Protein backbone atom coordinates (compact mmCIF):
# COMPACT_ATOMS: atom_id res chain seq x y z
CA MET A 1 13.41 23.82 -11.78
CA GLU A 2 12.73 22.24 -8.66
CA LYS A 3 10.90 18.96 -8.43
CA ASN A 4 7.23 18.68 -6.61
CA LYS A 5 7.92 17.28 -3.08
CA ILE A 6 5.76 14.50 -1.38
CA THR A 7 5.34 13.25 2.08
CA VAL A 8 6.73 9.72 2.74
CA PHE A 9 6.28 8.00 6.40
CA CYS A 10 9.27 5.64 7.29
CA GLU A 11 7.81 3.06 9.59
CA ASN A 12 11.10 1.82 10.45
CA ASN A 13 11.84 5.16 12.74
CA GLY A 14 8.36 6.54 12.78
CA GLN A 15 9.57 10.04 10.99
CA GLU A 16 8.06 11.52 8.02
CA TYR A 17 10.32 12.87 5.23
CA GLN A 18 9.49 15.11 2.56
CA ILE A 19 10.99 13.99 -0.83
CA PRO A 20 11.10 14.69 -4.50
CA THR A 21 8.38 13.18 -6.52
CA GLY A 22 9.85 10.04 -8.47
CA SER A 23 12.51 9.49 -6.04
CA SER A 24 13.50 5.58 -5.83
CA LEU A 25 13.32 3.52 -2.68
CA LYS A 26 17.01 3.22 -3.38
CA GLU A 27 17.31 7.11 -3.04
CA PHE A 28 15.36 7.34 -0.02
CA LYS A 29 17.08 4.64 2.07
CA LYS A 30 19.93 6.72 1.54
CA ILE A 31 18.24 9.65 3.56
CA VAL A 32 16.75 7.43 6.37
CA PHE A 33 20.16 5.27 6.79
CA PRO A 34 22.89 7.46 5.67
CA MET A 35 25.41 5.22 7.13
CA ASN A 36 24.21 1.79 7.04
CA HIS A 37 21.97 1.07 3.99
CA GLN A 38 23.73 -1.60 2.28
CA ASN A 39 21.67 -4.49 3.65
CA ILE A 40 18.54 -3.43 2.78
CA LEU A 41 16.85 -5.45 0.10
CA GLY A 42 13.39 -3.90 -0.63
CA ALA A 43 10.67 -2.48 1.21
CA LEU A 44 7.12 -2.71 2.21
CA VAL A 45 5.15 0.26 0.42
CA ASN A 46 1.85 0.44 1.80
CA ASN A 47 2.12 -3.52 2.70
CA GLU A 48 3.35 -4.41 -0.81
CA VAL A 49 6.64 -5.74 -1.46
CA GLN A 50 8.59 -3.47 -3.71
CA ASP A 51 12.36 -3.59 -5.13
CA LEU A 52 14.61 -0.56 -4.51
CA HIS A 53 13.86 0.86 -8.02
CA TYR A 54 10.52 1.52 -7.38
CA GLU A 55 9.47 5.05 -7.58
CA ILE A 56 7.15 7.22 -5.52
CA TYR A 57 5.02 9.57 -6.62
CA ASN A 58 2.36 9.79 -4.18
CA PRO A 59 2.48 10.01 -0.21
CA LYS A 60 3.31 6.63 1.19
CA TYR A 61 4.08 4.20 4.23
CA VAL A 62 7.60 2.98 3.55
CA ASN A 63 8.95 -0.25 5.84
CA PHE A 64 12.41 -1.29 4.42
CA ILE A 65 13.37 -5.01 5.07
CA ASP A 66 16.40 -6.79 4.88
CA VAL A 67 17.24 -10.60 5.37
CA THR A 68 16.01 -10.50 9.29
CA THR A 69 12.71 -10.29 7.90
CA LEU A 70 10.70 -12.78 6.76
CA ASP A 71 9.82 -10.59 3.65
CA GLY A 72 13.73 -9.97 3.23
CA TYR A 73 14.56 -13.48 3.54
CA SER A 74 12.13 -14.15 0.94
CA VAL A 75 13.29 -11.92 -1.65
CA TYR A 76 17.02 -13.07 -0.64
CA LEU A 77 16.09 -16.56 -1.11
CA ARG A 78 14.06 -16.04 -4.41
CA SER A 79 17.21 -13.81 -5.99
CA LEU A 80 19.36 -17.27 -5.11
CA ILE A 81 16.86 -19.38 -6.62
CA PHE A 82 17.22 -17.58 -9.90
CA VAL A 83 20.96 -17.16 -9.65
CA LEU A 84 21.22 -20.71 -9.07
CA TYR A 85 18.96 -21.21 -12.70
CA LYS A 86 21.07 -18.95 -14.56
CA ALA A 87 24.03 -20.88 -13.45
CA ILE A 88 22.45 -23.99 -14.19
CA ARG A 89 21.51 -22.82 -17.71
CA ASP A 90 24.54 -21.41 -18.50
CA LEU A 91 26.56 -24.71 -17.77
CA TYR A 92 24.38 -27.05 -19.37
CA PRO A 93 22.56 -25.22 -22.32
CA LYS A 94 21.53 -28.03 -24.32
CA LYS A 95 19.69 -29.88 -21.47
CA HIS A 96 16.04 -28.54 -21.69
CA SER A 97 14.51 -28.95 -18.14
CA SER A 98 11.48 -27.53 -16.98
CA TRP A 99 11.82 -25.39 -13.57
CA ASN A 100 9.99 -27.94 -12.09
CA THR A 101 12.66 -30.78 -12.71
CA ILE A 102 15.52 -28.95 -11.40
CA PHE A 103 13.52 -27.36 -8.56
CA PRO A 104 11.18 -29.13 -6.37
CA THR A 105 7.65 -27.51 -6.36
CA ASP A 106 7.19 -28.29 -2.59
CA TYR A 107 9.28 -25.19 -1.20
CA SER A 108 8.12 -25.70 2.43
CA VAL A 109 11.85 -27.60 2.46
CA VAL A 110 13.55 -24.45 1.67
CA TRP A 111 10.77 -21.63 2.26
CA PRO A 112 9.95 -21.37 5.91
CA THR A 113 6.49 -20.54 7.23
CA LYS A 114 6.02 -17.08 9.11
CA ASN A 115 5.36 -19.24 12.48
CA SER A 116 8.73 -21.15 11.80
CA PHE A 117 10.62 -18.15 10.72
CA LEU A 118 9.59 -16.19 14.08
CA ALA A 119 10.02 -19.30 16.01
CA GLU A 120 13.85 -19.70 15.03
CA ARG A 121 14.56 -15.68 15.64
CA GLU A 122 13.29 -15.82 19.12
CA SER A 123 15.31 -18.76 20.28
CA LYS A 124 18.47 -17.09 19.08
CA LYS A 125 17.37 -13.94 21.29
């Protein structure tokens, strides 16, 4: 029995795709970018950040993101923070520290604003 197909519009290349209902973004990215899909971290689905395990059941607008976009950078940085947190918990299991004592509450030092990110990106061109 063949799955029903839905139409998904990819904003990266401006094309519509017919994909099986319930396909994940991980499967869909391989259709859109068959040769270069390893750098994609997630996607904006109808302008909301979703991970690659997100399943598509209705027609959507999808814009894949990687570390060259502000949203992709945020996803990457957040992942690194959780890896660091896990490493600290594994190294010092008897220490009972709260998240705020390990990491600063002011993320402006490590979390760029959209304007600073775009300015830095433009200066590299």
